[in-house]
Amino acid sequence: PPHFLGVWCPEPGSLRLMCFDPDELAAFPFEEIVGWFKQSN
């Protein structure tokens, strides 16, 4: 609340919690994430 987005995820040794403002999120092309997660933690 009131208009934000939270995300939690497990990291090595910790839980990470993030807050994003949807209005601030910039668009990106799908090409940026093709294969990206496979090469990243």
Full PDB file with SEQRES, HELIX, SHEET, SSBOND, CRYST1, ORIGX, SCALE, CONECT and MASTER records, all heavy atoms in Angstrom:
SEQRES   1 A   41  PRO PRO HIS PHE LEU GLY VAL TRP CYS PRO GLU PRO GLY          
SEQRES   2 A   41  SER LEU ARG LEU MET CYS PHE ASP PRO ASP GLU LEU ALA          
SEQRES   3 A   41  ALA PHE PRO PHE GLU GLU ILE VAL GLY TRP PHE LYS GLN          
SEQRES   4 A   41  SER ASN                                                      
HELIX    1 AA1 PRO A   22  GLU A   24  5                                   3    
HELIX    2 AA2 PHE A   30  GLU A   32  5                                   3    
HELIX    3 AA3 PHE A   37  GLN A   39  5                                   3    
SHEET    1 AA1 2 LEU A   5  GLU A  11  0                                        
SHEET    2 AA1 2 SER A  14  PHE A  20 -1                                        
CRYST1    1.000    1.000    1.000  90.00  90.00  90.00 P 1           1          
ORIGX1      1.000000  0.000000  0.000000        0.00000                         
ORIGX2      0.000000  1.000000  0.000000        0.00000                         
ORIGX3      0.000000  0.000000  1.000000        0.00000                         
SCALE1      1.000000  0.000000  0.000000        0.00000                         
SCALE2      0.000000  1.000000  0.000000        0.00000                         
SCALE3      0.000000  0.000000  1.000000        0.00000                         
ATOM      1  N   PRO A   1       0.828  -1.203   0.000  1.00  0.00           N  
ATOM      2  CA  PRO A   1       0.000   0.000   0.000  1.00  0.00           C  
ATOM      3  C   PRO A   1       0.872   1.267   0.000  1.00  0.00           C  
ATOM      4  O   PRO A   1       1.950   1.265   0.588  1.00  0.00           O  
ATOM      5  CB  PRO A   1      -0.788  -0.115   1.315  1.00  0.00           C  
ATOM      6  CG  PRO A   1      -0.741  -1.576   1.653  1.00  0.00           C  
ATOM      7  CD  PRO A   1       0.578  -2.063   1.158  1.00  0.00           C  
ATOM      8  N   PRO A   2       0.415   2.361  -0.659  1.00  0.00           N  
ATOM      9  CA  PRO A   2      -0.890   2.429  -1.325  1.00  0.00           C  
ATOM     10  C   PRO A   2      -0.863   1.960  -2.783  1.00  0.00           C  
ATOM     11  O   PRO A   2      -1.850   1.448  -3.273  1.00  0.00           O  
ATOM     12  CB  PRO A   2      -1.230   3.918  -1.239  1.00  0.00           C  
ATOM     13  CG  PRO A   2       0.112   4.595  -1.258  1.00  0.00           C  
ATOM     14  CD  PRO A   2       1.063   3.682  -0.541  1.00  0.00           C  
ATOM     15  N   HIS A   3       0.275   2.143  -3.502  1.00  0.00           N  
ATOM     16  CA  HIS A   3       0.264   1.831  -4.935  1.00  0.00           C  
ATOM     17  C   HIS A   3       1.557   1.170  -5.395  1.00  0.00           C  
ATOM     18  O   HIS A   3       1.889   1.227  -6.582  1.00  0.00           O  
ATOM     19  CB  HIS A   3       0.038   3.107  -5.772  1.00  0.00           C  
ATOM     20  CG  HIS A   3      -1.238   3.819  -5.471  1.00  0.00           C  
ATOM     21  ND1 HIS A   3      -2.474   3.323  -5.829  1.00  0.00           N  
ATOM     22  CD2 HIS A   3      -1.479   4.976  -4.815  1.00  0.00           C  
ATOM     23  CE1 HIS A   3      -3.426   4.162  -5.428  1.00  0.00           C  
ATOM     24  NE2 HIS A   3      -2.844   5.169  -4.818  1.00  0.00           N  
ATOM     25  N   PHE A   4       2.299   0.562  -4.495  1.00  0.00           N  
ATOM     26  CA  PHE A   4       3.588  -0.026  -4.865  1.00  0.00           C  
ATOM     27  C   PHE A   4       3.470  -1.539  -5.040  1.00  0.00           C  
ATOM     28  O   PHE A   4       2.488  -2.173  -4.638  1.00  0.00           O  
ATOM     29  CB  PHE A   4       4.654   0.289  -3.819  1.00  0.00           C  
ATOM     30  CG  PHE A   4       4.964   1.755  -3.692  1.00  0.00           C  
ATOM     31  CD1 PHE A   4       5.402   2.283  -2.476  1.00  0.00           C  
ATOM     32  CD2 PHE A   4       4.821   2.620  -4.768  1.00  0.00           C  
ATOM     33  CE1 PHE A   4       5.692   3.624  -2.349  1.00  0.00           C  
ATOM     34  CE2 PHE A   4       5.116   3.966  -4.646  1.00  0.00           C  
ATOM     35  CZ  PHE A   4       5.551   4.473  -3.432  1.00  0.00           C  
ATOM     36  N   LEU A   5       4.509  -2.105  -5.627  1.00  0.00           N  
ATOM     37  CA  LEU A   5       4.609  -3.554  -5.819  1.00  0.00           C  
ATOM     38  C   LEU A   5       5.806  -4.067  -5.037  1.00  0.00           C  
ATOM     39  O   LEU A   5       6.917  -3.552  -5.184  1.00  0.00           O  
ATOM     40  CB  LEU A   5       4.781  -3.872  -7.306  1.00  0.00           C  
ATOM     41  CG  LEU A   5       5.219  -5.309  -7.654  1.00  0.00           C  
ATOM     42  CD1 LEU A   5       4.131  -6.303  -7.284  1.00  0.00           C  
ATOM     43  CD2 LEU A   5       5.569  -5.417  -9.141  1.00  0.00           C  
ATOM     44  N   GLY A   6       5.585  -5.073  -4.213  1.00  0.00           N  
ATOM     45  CA  GLY A   6       6.677  -5.722  -3.497  1.00  0.00           C  
ATOM     46  C   GLY A   6       6.987  -7.069  -4.129  1.00  0.00           C  
ATOM     47  O   GLY A   6       6.119  -7.706  -4.736  1.00  0.00           O  
ATOM     48  N   VAL A   7       8.233  -7.498  -4.005  1.00  0.00           N  
ATOM     49  CA  VAL A   7       8.658  -8.825  -4.445  1.00  0.00           C  
ATOM     50  C   VAL A   7       9.621  -9.373  -3.402  1.00  0.00           C  
ATOM     51  O   VAL A   7      10.540  -8.669  -2.972  1.00  0.00           O  
ATOM     52  CB  VAL A   7       9.383  -8.784  -5.811  1.00  0.00           C  
ATOM     53  CG1 VAL A   7       9.852 -10.187  -6.206  1.00  0.00           C  
ATOM     54  CG2 VAL A   7       8.494  -8.207  -6.901  1.00  0.00           C  
ATOM     55  N   TRP A   8       9.387 -10.620  -2.959  1.00  0.00           N  
ATOM     56  CA  TRP A   8      10.402 -11.259  -2.114  1.00  0.00           C  
ATOM     57  C   TRP A   8      10.899 -12.521  -2.809  1.00  0.00           C  
ATOM     58  O   TRP A   8      10.171 -13.167  -3.569  1.00  0.00           O  
ATOM     59  CB  TRP A   8       9.880 -11.549  -0.703  1.00  0.00           C  
ATOM     60  CG  TRP A   8       8.867 -12.650  -0.532  1.00  0.00           C  
ATOM     61  CD1 TRP A   8       7.517 -12.510  -0.395  1.00  0.00           C  
ATOM     62  CD2 TRP A   8       9.119 -14.066  -0.433  1.00  0.00           C  
ATOM     63  NE1 TRP A   8       6.909 -13.730  -0.239  1.00  0.00           N  
ATOM     64  CE2 TRP A   8       7.872 -14.717  -0.254  1.00  0.00           C  
ATOM     65  CE3 TRP A   8      10.268 -14.848  -0.483  1.00  0.00           C  
ATOM     66  CZ2 TRP A   8       7.752 -16.095  -0.128  1.00  0.00           C  
ATOM     67  CZ3 TRP A   8      10.156 -16.221  -0.358  1.00  0.00           C  
ATOM     68  CH2 TRP A   8       8.909 -16.832  -0.178  1.00  0.00           C  
ATOM     69  N   CYS A   9      12.164 -12.840  -2.552  1.00  0.00           N  
ATOM     70  CA  CYS A   9      12.754 -14.034  -3.147  1.00  0.00           C  
ATOM     71  C   CYS A   9      13.912 -14.499  -2.269  1.00  0.00           C  
ATOM     72  O   CYS A   9      14.524 -13.698  -1.554  1.00  0.00           O  
ATOM     73  CB  CYS A   9      13.235 -13.765  -4.574  1.00  0.00           C  
ATOM     74  SG  CYS A   9      14.492 -12.489  -4.714  1.00  0.00           S  
ATOM     75  N   PRO A  10      14.212 -15.786  -2.283  1.00  0.00           N  
ATOM     76  CA  PRO A  10      15.357 -16.283  -1.514  1.00  0.00           C  
ATOM     77  C   PRO A  10      16.661 -15.986  -2.240  1.00  0.00           C  
ATOM     78  O   PRO A  10      16.751 -16.085  -3.456  1.00  0.00           O  
ATOM     79  CB  PRO A  10      15.102 -17.796  -1.444  1.00  0.00           C  
ATOM     80  CG  PRO A  10      14.300 -18.091  -2.674  1.00  0.00           C  
ATOM     81  CD  PRO A  10      13.469 -16.873  -2.950  1.00  0.00           C  
ATOM     82  N   GLU A  11      17.642 -15.566  -1.483  1.00  0.00           N  
ATOM     83  CA  GLU A  11      19.007 -15.394  -1.965  1.00  0.00           C  
ATOM     84  C   GLU A  11      19.907 -16.246  -1.085  1.00  0.00           C  
ATOM     85  O   GLU A  11      19.487 -16.677  -0.002  1.00  0.00           O  
ATOM     86  CB  GLU A  11      19.428 -13.918  -1.883  1.00  0.00           C  
ATOM     87  CG  GLU A  11      18.608 -12.969  -2.736  1.00  0.00           C  
ATOM     88  CD  GLU A  11      18.986 -13.027  -4.205  1.00  0.00           C  
ATOM     89  OE1 GLU A  11      19.916 -13.782  -4.552  1.00  0.00           O  
ATOM     90  OE2 GLU A  11      18.346 -12.327  -5.001  1.00  0.00           O  
ATOM     91  N   PRO A  12      21.143 -16.522  -1.511  1.00  0.00           N  
ATOM     92  CA  PRO A  12      22.049 -17.291  -0.645  1.00  0.00           C  
ATOM     93  C   PRO A  12      22.221 -16.604   0.712  1.00  0.00           C  
ATOM     94  O   PRO A  12      22.706 -15.480   0.789  1.00  0.00           O  
ATOM     95  CB  PRO A  12      23.367 -17.293  -1.435  1.00  0.00           C  
ATOM     96  CG  PRO A  12      22.952 -17.124  -2.858  1.00  0.00           C  
ATOM     97  CD  PRO A  12      21.761 -16.219  -2.822  1.00  0.00           C  
ATOM     98  N   GLY A  13      21.729 -17.241   1.756  1.00  0.00           N  
ATOM     99  CA  GLY A  13      21.893 -16.714   3.108  1.00  0.00           C  
ATOM    100  C   GLY A  13      20.873 -15.698   3.551  1.00  0.00           C  
ATOM    101  O   GLY A  13      20.905 -15.253   4.701  1.00  0.00           O  
ATOM    102  N   SER A  14      19.956 -15.294   2.671  1.00  0.00           N  
ATOM    103  CA  SER A  14      19.008 -14.253   3.083  1.00  0.00           C  
ATOM    104  C   SER A  14      17.723 -14.318   2.274  1.00  0.00           C  
ATOM    105  O   SER A  14      17.639 -15.002   1.250  1.00  0.00           O  
ATOM    106  CB  SER A  14      19.639 -12.863   2.925  1.00  0.00           C  
ATOM    107  OG  SER A  14      19.807 -12.551   1.557  1.00  0.00           O  
ATOM    108  N   LEU A  15      16.734 -13.578   2.754  1.00  0.00           N  
ATOM    109  CA  LEU A  15      15.533 -13.274   1.987  1.00  0.00           C  
ATOM    110  C   LEU A  15      15.662 -11.829   1.516  1.00  0.00           C  
ATOM    111  O   LEU A  15      15.976 -10.946   2.306  1.00  0.00           O  
ATOM    112  CB  LEU A  15      14.276 -13.425   2.838  1.00  0.00           C  
ATOM    113  CG  LEU A  15      13.872 -14.847   3.238  1.00  0.00           C  
ATOM    114  CD1 LEU A  15      12.746 -14.785   4.260  1.00  0.00           C  
ATOM    115  CD2 LEU A  15      13.430 -15.642   2.024  1.00  0.00           C  
ATOM    116  N   ARG A  16      15.440 -11.604   0.242  1.00  0.00           N  
ATOM    117  CA  ARG A  16      15.530 -10.255  -0.314  1.00  0.00           C  
ATOM    118  C   ARG A  16      14.133  -9.734  -0.559  1.00  0.00           C  
ATOM    119  O   ARG A  16      13.302 -10.430  -1.164  1.00  0.00           O  
ATOM    120  CB  ARG A  16      16.331 -10.267  -1.611  1.00  0.00           C  
ATOM    121  CG  ARG A  16      16.537  -8.901  -2.245  1.00  0.00           C  
ATOM    122  CD  ARG A  16      17.219  -9.042  -3.598  1.00  0.00           C  
ATOM    123  NE  ARG A  16      17.490  -7.743  -4.205  1.00  0.00           N  
ATOM    124  CZ  ARG A  16      17.869  -7.572  -5.465  1.00  0.00           C  
ATOM    125  NH1 ARG A  16      18.010  -8.639  -6.263  1.00  0.00           N  
ATOM    126  NH2 ARG A  16      18.093  -6.363  -5.951  1.00  0.00           N  
ATOM    127  N   LEU A  17      13.855  -8.515  -0.108  1.00  0.00           N  
ATOM    128  CA  LEU A  17      12.556  -7.887  -0.311  1.00  0.00           C  
ATOM    129  C   LEU A  17      12.759  -6.573  -1.044  1.00  0.00           C  
ATOM    130  O   LEU A  17      13.587  -5.743  -0.639  1.00  0.00           O  
ATOM    131  CB  LEU A  17      11.841  -7.651   1.017  1.00  0.00           C  
ATOM    132  CG  LEU A  17      11.456  -8.929   1.770  1.00  0.00           C  
ATOM    133  CD1 LEU A  17      12.489  -9.238   2.839  1.00  0.00           C  
ATOM    134  CD2 LEU A  17      10.073  -8.803   2.391  1.00  0.00           C  
ATOM    135  N   MET A  18      12.010  -6.377  -2.132  1.00  0.00           N  
ATOM    136  CA  MET A  18      12.149  -5.207  -2.984  1.00  0.00           C  
ATOM    137  C   MET A  18      10.815  -4.487  -3.127  1.00  0.00           C  
ATOM    138  O   MET A  18       9.763  -5.116  -3.118  1.00  0.00           O  
ATOM    139  CB  MET A  18      12.643  -5.628  -4.370  1.00  0.00           C  
ATOM    140  CG  MET A  18      14.069  -6.138  -4.415  1.00  0.00           C  
ATOM    141  SD  MET A  18      14.387  -7.175  -5.883  1.00  0.00           S  
ATOM    142  CE  MET A  18      13.734  -8.743  -5.294  1.00  0.00           C  
ATOM    143  N   CYS A  19      10.887  -3.177  -3.276  1.00  0.00           N  
ATOM    144  CA  CYS A  19       9.709  -2.342  -3.515  1.00  0.00           C  
ATOM    145  C   CYS A  19       9.898  -1.614  -4.842  1.00  0.00           C  
ATOM    146  O   CYS A  19      10.931  -0.966  -5.059  1.00  0.00           O  
ATOM    147  CB  CYS A  19       9.540  -1.338  -2.377  1.00  0.00           C  
ATOM    148  SG  CYS A  19       8.355  -0.013  -2.733  1.00  0.00           S  
ATOM    149  N   PHE A  20       8.910  -1.729  -5.734  1.00  0.00           N  
ATOM    150  CA  PHE A  20       8.925  -1.026  -7.016  1.00  0.00           C  
ATOM    151  C   PHE A  20       7.711  -0.106  -7.111  1.00  0.00           C  
ATOM    152  O   PHE A  20       6.629  -0.452  -6.643  1.00  0.00           O  
ATOM    153  CB  PHE A  20       8.874  -2.017  -8.179  1.00  0.00           C  
ATOM    154  CG  PHE A  20      10.083  -2.900  -8.299  1.00  0.00           C  
ATOM    155  CD1 PHE A  20      10.090  -4.157  -7.713  1.00  0.00           C  
ATOM    156  CD2 PHE A  20      11.198  -2.483  -9.006  1.00  0.00           C  
ATOM    157  CE1 PHE A  20      11.203  -4.989  -7.826  1.00  0.00           C  
ATOM    158  CE2 PHE A  20      12.319  -3.304  -9.126  1.00  0.00           C  
ATOM    159  CZ  PHE A  20      12.315  -4.555  -8.539  1.00  0.00           C  
ATOM    160  N   ASP A  21       7.910   1.047  -7.724  1.00  0.00           N  
ATOM    161  CA  ASP A  21       6.795   1.920  -8.083  1.00  0.00           C  
ATOM    162  C   ASP A  21       6.445   1.603  -9.532  1.00  0.00           C  
ATOM    163  O   ASP A  21       7.238   1.876 -10.439  1.00  0.00           O  
ATOM    164  CB  ASP A  21       7.204   3.386  -7.946  1.00  0.00           C  
ATOM    165  CG  ASP A  21       6.056   4.346  -8.255  1.00  0.00           C  
ATOM    166  OD1 ASP A  21       5.061   3.913  -8.881  1.00  0.00           O  
ATOM    167  OD2 ASP A  21       6.152   5.530  -7.895  1.00  0.00           O  
ATOM    168  N   PRO A  22       5.297   0.994  -9.806  1.00  0.00           N  
ATOM    169  CA  PRO A  22       4.952   0.626 -11.193  1.00  0.00           C  
ATOM    170  C   PRO A  22       5.031   1.790 -12.171  1.00  0.00           C  
ATOM    171  O   PRO A  22       5.410   1.603 -13.332  1.00  0.00           O  
ATOM    172  CB  PRO A  22       3.528   0.079 -11.065  1.00  0.00           C  
ATOM    173  CG  PRO A  22       3.435  -0.400  -9.655  1.00  0.00           C  
ATOM    174  CD  PRO A  22       4.257   0.557  -8.858  1.00  0.00           C  
ATOM    175  N   ASP A  23       4.679   2.995 -11.707  1.00  0.00           N  
ATOM    176  CA  ASP A  23       4.730   4.153 -12.596  1.00  0.00           C  
ATOM    177  C   ASP A  23       6.150   4.484 -13.032  1.00  0.00           C  
ATOM    178  O   ASP A  23       6.353   5.130 -14.071  1.00  0.00           O  
ATOM    179  CB  ASP A  23       4.124   5.385 -11.912  1.00  0.00           C  
ATOM    180  CG  ASP A  23       2.599   5.381 -11.954  1.00  0.00           C  
ATOM    181  OD1 ASP A  23       2.040   4.857 -12.940  1.00  0.00           O  
ATOM    182  OD2 ASP A  23       1.972   5.901 -11.014  1.00  0.00           O  
ATOM    183  N   GLU A  24       7.142   4.075 -12.248  1.00  0.00           N  
ATOM    184  CA  GLU A  24       8.534   4.396 -12.562  1.00  0.00           C  
ATOM    185  C   GLU A  24       9.206   3.332 -13.420  1.00  0.00           C  
ATOM    186  O   GLU A  24      10.288   3.560 -13.966  1.00  0.00           O  
ATOM    187  CB  GLU A  24       9.338   4.567 -11.264  1.00  0.00           C  
ATOM    188  CG  GLU A  24       8.919   5.759 -10.422  1.00  0.00           C  
ATOM    189  CD  GLU A  24       9.696   5.833  -9.118  1.00  0.00           C  
ATOM    190  OE1 GLU A  24      10.459   4.875  -8.831  1.00  0.00           O  
ATOM    191  OE2 GLU A  24       9.546   6.835  -8.399  1.00  0.00           O  
ATOM    192  N   LEU A  25       8.591   2.160 -13.538  1.00  0.00           N  
ATOM    193  CA  LEU A  25       9.236   1.060 -14.260  1.00  0.00           C  
ATOM    194  C   LEU A  25       9.309   1.356 -15.759  1.00  0.00           C  
ATOM    195  O   LEU A  25       8.288   1.588 -16.404  1.00  0.00           O  
ATOM    196  CB  LEU A  25       8.469  -0.248 -14.025  1.00  0.00           C  
ATOM    197  CG  LEU A  25       8.565  -0.851 -12.630  1.00  0.00           C  
ATOM    198  CD1 LEU A  25       7.601  -2.025 -12.491  1.00  0.00           C  
ATOM    199  CD2 LEU A  25       9.996  -1.294 -12.324  1.00  0.00           C  
ATOM    200  N   ALA A  26      10.527   1.316 -16.292  1.00  0.00           N  
ATOM    201  CA  ALA A  26      10.725   1.554 -17.723  1.00  0.00           C  
ATOM    202  C   ALA A  26      10.529   0.260 -18.500  1.00  0.00           C  
ATOM    203  O   ALA A  26      10.892  -0.827 -18.033  1.00  0.00           O  
ATOM    204  CB  ALA A  26      12.123   2.111 -17.968  1.00  0.00           C  
ATOM    205  N   ALA A  27       9.965   0.362 -19.691  1.00  0.00           N  
ATOM    206  CA  ALA A  27       9.777  -0.809 -20.551  1.00  0.00           C  
ATOM    207  C   ALA A  27      11.121  -1.224 -21.147  1.00  0.00           C  
ATOM    208  O   ALA A  27      12.033  -0.410 -21.306  1.00  0.00           O  
ATOM    209  CB  ALA A  27       8.782  -0.496 -21.659  1.00  0.00           C  
ATOM    210  N   PHE A  28      11.237  -2.511 -21.447  1.00  0.00           N  
ATOM    211  CA  PHE A  28      12.432  -3.028 -22.116  1.00  0.00           C  
ATOM    212  C   PHE A  28      12.000  -4.107 -23.103  1.00  0.00           C  
ATOM    213  O   PHE A  28      10.942  -4.723 -22.942  1.00  0.00           O  
ATOM    214  CB  PHE A  28      13.443  -3.572 -21.093  1.00  0.00           C  
ATOM    215  CG  PHE A  28      12.890  -4.629 -20.172  1.00  0.00           C  
ATOM    216  CD1 PHE A  28      12.850  -5.973 -20.548  1.00  0.00           C  
ATOM    217  CD2 PHE A  28      12.399  -4.288 -18.905  1.00  0.00           C  
ATOM    218  CE1 PHE A  28      12.341  -6.941 -19.696  1.00  0.00           C  
ATOM    219  CE2 PHE A  28      11.881  -5.251 -18.052  1.00  0.00           C  
ATOM    220  CZ  PHE A  28      11.861  -6.582 -18.444  1.00  0.00           C  
ATOM    221  N   PRO A  29      12.808  -4.359 -24.127  1.00  0.00           N  
ATOM    222  CA  PRO A  29      12.439  -5.385 -25.113  1.00  0.00           C  
ATOM    223  C   PRO A  29      12.674  -6.787 -24.558  1.00  0.00           C  
ATOM    224  O   PRO A  29      13.558  -7.006 -23.728  1.00  0.00           O  
ATOM    225  CB  PRO A  29      13.377  -5.100 -26.288  1.00  0.00           C  
ATOM    226  CG  PRO A  29      14.563  -4.430 -25.673  1.00  0.00           C  
ATOM    227  CD  PRO A  29      14.031  -3.629 -24.512  1.00  0.00           C  
ATOM    228  N   PHE A  30      11.883  -7.737 -25.033  1.00  0.00           N  
ATOM    229  CA  PHE A  30      12.052  -9.122 -24.599  1.00  0.00           C  
ATOM    230  C   PHE A  30      13.464  -9.630 -24.886  1.00  0.00           C  
ATOM    231  O   PHE A  30      13.976 -10.483 -24.170  1.00  0.00           O  
ATOM    232  CB  PHE A  30      11.032 -10.029 -25.292  1.00  0.00           C  
ATOM    233  CG  PHE A  30       9.670 -10.011 -24.664  1.00  0.00           C  
ATOM    234  CD1 PHE A  30       8.565  -9.598 -25.380  1.00  0.00           C  
ATOM    235  CD2 PHE A  30       9.498 -10.415 -23.347  1.00  0.00           C  
ATOM    236  CE1 PHE A  30       7.303  -9.584 -24.801  1.00  0.00           C  
ATOM    237  CE2 PHE A  30       8.247 -10.405 -22.757  1.00  0.00           C  
ATOM    238  CZ  PHE A  30       7.139  -9.983 -23.477  1.00  0.00           C  
ATOM    239  N   GLU A  31      14.097  -9.086 -25.924  1.00  0.00           N  
ATOM    240  CA  GLU A  31      15.446  -9.534 -26.281  1.00  0.00           C  
ATOM    241  C   GLU A  31      16.433  -9.366 -25.131  1.00  0.00           C  
ATOM    242  O   GLU A  31      17.419 -10.101 -25.036  1.00  0.00           O  
ATOM    243  CB  GLU A  31      15.954  -8.770 -27.511  1.00  0.00           C  
ATOM    244  CG  GLU A  31      15.285  -9.142 -28.822  1.00  0.00           C  
ATOM    245  CD  GLU A  31      13.893  -8.534 -28.969  1.00  0.00           C  
ATOM    246  OE1 GLU A  31      13.530  -7.661 -28.152  1.00  0.00           O  
ATOM    247  OE2 GLU A  31      13.169  -8.947 -29.896  1.00  0.00           O  
ATOM    248  N   GLU A  32      16.172  -8.404 -24.243  1.00  0.00           N  
ATOM    249  CA  GLU A  32      17.093  -8.159 -23.124  1.00  0.00           C  
ATOM    250  C   GLU A  32      17.115  -9.315 -22.124  1.00  0.00           C  
ATOM    251  O   GLU A  32      18.094  -9.492 -21.409  1.00  0.00           O  
ATOM    252  CB  GLU A  32      16.727  -6.855 -22.400  1.00  0.00           C  
ATOM    253  CG  GLU A  32      17.153  -5.614 -23.135  1.00  0.00           C  
ATOM    254  CD  GLU A  32      17.037  -4.372 -22.260  1.00  0.00           C  
ATOM    255  OE1 GLU A  32      16.957  -4.510 -21.019  1.00  0.00           O  
ATOM    256  OE2 GLU A  32      17.005  -3.264 -22.823  1.00  0.00           O  
ATOM    257  N   ILE A  33      16.041 -10.081 -22.046  1.00  0.00           N  
ATOM    258  CA  ILE A  33      15.984 -11.140 -21.037  1.00  0.00           C  
ATOM    259  C   ILE A  33      16.046 -12.542 -21.629  1.00  0.00           C  
ATOM    260  O   ILE A  33      16.055 -13.523 -20.881  1.00  0.00           O  
ATOM    261  CB  ILE A  33      14.720 -11.010 -20.151  1.00  0.00           C  
ATOM    262  CG1 ILE A  33      13.439 -10.971 -20.999  1.00  0.00           C  
ATOM    263  CG2 ILE A  33      14.816  -9.807 -19.248  1.00  0.00           C  
ATOM    264  CD1 ILE A  33      12.171 -11.024 -20.167  1.00  0.00           C  
ATOM    265  N   VAL A  34      16.105 -12.644 -22.964  1.00  0.00           N  
ATOM    266  CA  VAL A  34      16.244 -13.966 -23.578  1.00  0.00           C  
ATOM    267  C   VAL A  34      17.592 -14.558 -23.162  1.00  0.00           C  
ATOM    268  O   VAL A  34      18.645 -14.019 -23.467  1.00  0.00           O  
ATOM    269  CB  VAL A  34      16.148 -13.880 -25.115  1.00  0.00           C  
ATOM    270  CG1 VAL A  34      16.551 -15.207 -25.748  1.00  0.00           C  
ATOM    271  CG2 VAL A  34      14.731 -13.509 -25.537  1.00  0.00           C  
ATOM    272  N   GLY A  35      17.555 -15.629 -22.421  1.00  0.00           N  
ATOM    273  CA  GLY A  35      18.769 -16.291 -21.979  1.00  0.00           C  
ATOM    274  C   GLY A  35      19.474 -15.618 -20.821  1.00  0.00           C  
ATOM    275  O   GLY A  35      20.431 -16.168 -20.267  1.00  0.00           O  
ATOM    276  N   TRP A  36      19.008 -14.421 -20.410  1.00  0.00           N  
ATOM    277  CA  TRP A  36      19.716 -13.670 -19.359  1.00  0.00           C  
ATOM    278  C   TRP A  36      19.687 -14.402 -18.028  1.00  0.00           C  
ATOM    279  O   TRP A  36      20.712 -14.524 -17.344  1.00  0.00           O  
ATOM    280  CB  TRP A  36      19.090 -12.282 -19.211  1.00  0.00           C  
ATOM    281  CG  TRP A  36      19.843 -11.391 -18.261  1.00  0.00           C  
ATOM    282  CD1 TRP A  36      20.966 -10.659 -18.528  1.00  0.00           C  
ATOM    283  CD2 TRP A  36      19.523 -11.138 -16.893  1.00  0.00           C  
ATOM    284  NE1 TRP A  36      21.359  -9.976 -17.406  1.00  0.00           N  
ATOM    285  CE2 TRP A  36      20.495 -10.250 -16.381  1.00  0.00           C  
ATOM    286  CE3 TRP A  36      18.519 -11.585 -16.027  1.00  0.00           C  
ATOM    287  CZ2 TRP A  36      20.479  -9.795 -15.070  1.00  0.00           C  
ATOM    288  CZ3 TRP A  36      18.515 -11.136 -14.725  1.00  0.00           C  
ATOM    289  CH2 TRP A  36      19.486 -10.250 -14.253  1.00  0.00           C  
ATOM    290  N   PHE A  37      18.523 -14.896 -17.643  1.00  0.00           N  
ATOM    291  CA  PHE A  37      18.415 -15.548 -16.347  1.00  0.00           C  
ATOM    292  C   PHE A  37      19.229 -16.839 -16.294  1.00  0.00           C  
ATOM    293  O   PHE A  37      19.695 -17.235 -15.231  1.00  0.00           O  
ATOM    294  CB  PHE A  37      16.949 -15.849 -16.018  1.00  0.00           C  
ATOM    295  CG  PHE A  37      16.186 -14.643 -15.534  1.00  0.00           C  
ATOM    296  CD1 PHE A  37      15.091 -14.161 -16.238  1.00  0.00           C  
ATOM    297  CD2 PHE A  37      16.545 -13.991 -14.371  1.00  0.00           C  
ATOM    298  CE1 PHE A  37      14.384 -13.063 -15.792  1.00  0.00           C  
ATOM    299  CE2 PHE A  37      15.843 -12.885 -13.918  1.00  0.00           C  
ATOM    300  CZ  PHE A  37      14.758 -12.421 -14.625  1.00  0.00           C  
ATOM    301  N   LYS A  38      19.388 -17.501 -17.427  1.00  0.00           N  
ATOM    302  CA  LYS A  38      20.169 -18.740 -17.441  1.00  0.00           C  
ATOM    303  C   LYS A  38      21.643 -18.481 -17.162  1.00  0.00           C  
ATOM    304  O   LYS A  38      22.354 -19.363 -16.679  1.00  0.00           O  
ATOM    305  CB  LYS A  38      20.006 -19.442 -18.794  1.00  0.00           C  
ATOM    306  CG  LYS A  38      18.598 -19.963 -19.049  1.00  0.00           C  
ATOM    307  CD  LYS A  38      18.502 -20.654 -20.405  1.00  0.00           C  
ATOM    308  CE  LYS A  38      17.078 -21.152 -20.656  1.00  0.00           C  
ATOM    309  NZ  LYS A  38      16.948 -21.786 -21.984  1.00  0.00           N  
ATOM    310  N   GLN A  39      22.102 -17.268 -17.449  1.00  0.00           N  
ATOM    311  CA  GLN A  39      23.502 -16.925 -17.252  1.00  0.00           C  
ATOM    312  C   GLN A  39      23.732 -16.139 -15.973  1.00  0.00           C  
ATOM    313  O   GLN A  39      24.853 -15.745 -15.678  1.00  0.00           O  
ATOM    314  CB  GLN A  39      23.997 -16.097 -18.442  1.00  0.00           C  
ATOM    315  CG  GLN A  39      23.851 -16.793 -19.782  1.00  0.00           C  
ATOM    316  CD  GLN A  39      24.138 -15.859 -20.947  1.00  0.00           C  
ATOM    317  OE1 GLN A  39      24.820 -14.856 -20.796  1.00  0.00           O  
ATOM    318  NE2 GLN A  39      23.617 -16.196 -22.122  1.00  0.00           N  
ATOM    319  N   SER A  40      22.686 -15.898 -15.225  1.00  0.00           N  
ATOM    320  CA  SER A  40      22.788 -15.049 -14.043  1.00  0.00           C  
ATOM    321  C   SER A  40      22.137 -15.728 -12.847  1.00  0.00           C  
ATOM    322  O   SER A  40      21.235 -16.553 -12.993  1.00  0.00           O  
ATOM    323  CB  SER A  40      22.098 -13.705 -14.322  1.00  0.00           C  
ATOM    324  OG  SER A  40      21.947 -12.954 -13.142  1.00  0.00           O  
ATOM    325  N   ASN A  41      22.591 -15.347 -11.655  1.00  0.00           N  
ATOM    326  CA  ASN A  41      21.955 -15.830 -10.432  1.00  0.00           C  
ATOM    327  C   ASN A  41      20.816 -14.922  -9.989  1.00  0.00           C  
ATOM    328  O   ASN A  41      20.162 -15.191  -8.991  1.00  0.00           O  
ATOM    329  CB  ASN A  41      22.998 -15.924  -9.307  1.00  0.00           C  
ATOM    330  CG  ASN A  41      24.016 -17.015  -9.570  1.00  0.00           C  
ATOM    331  OD1 ASN A  41      23.681 -18.061 -10.110  1.00  0.00           O  
ATOM    332  ND2 ASN A  41      25.265 -16.768  -9.193  1.00  0.00           N  
TER     333      ASN A  41                                                      
MASTER        0    0    0    3    2    0    0    6  332    1    0    4          
END                                                                             
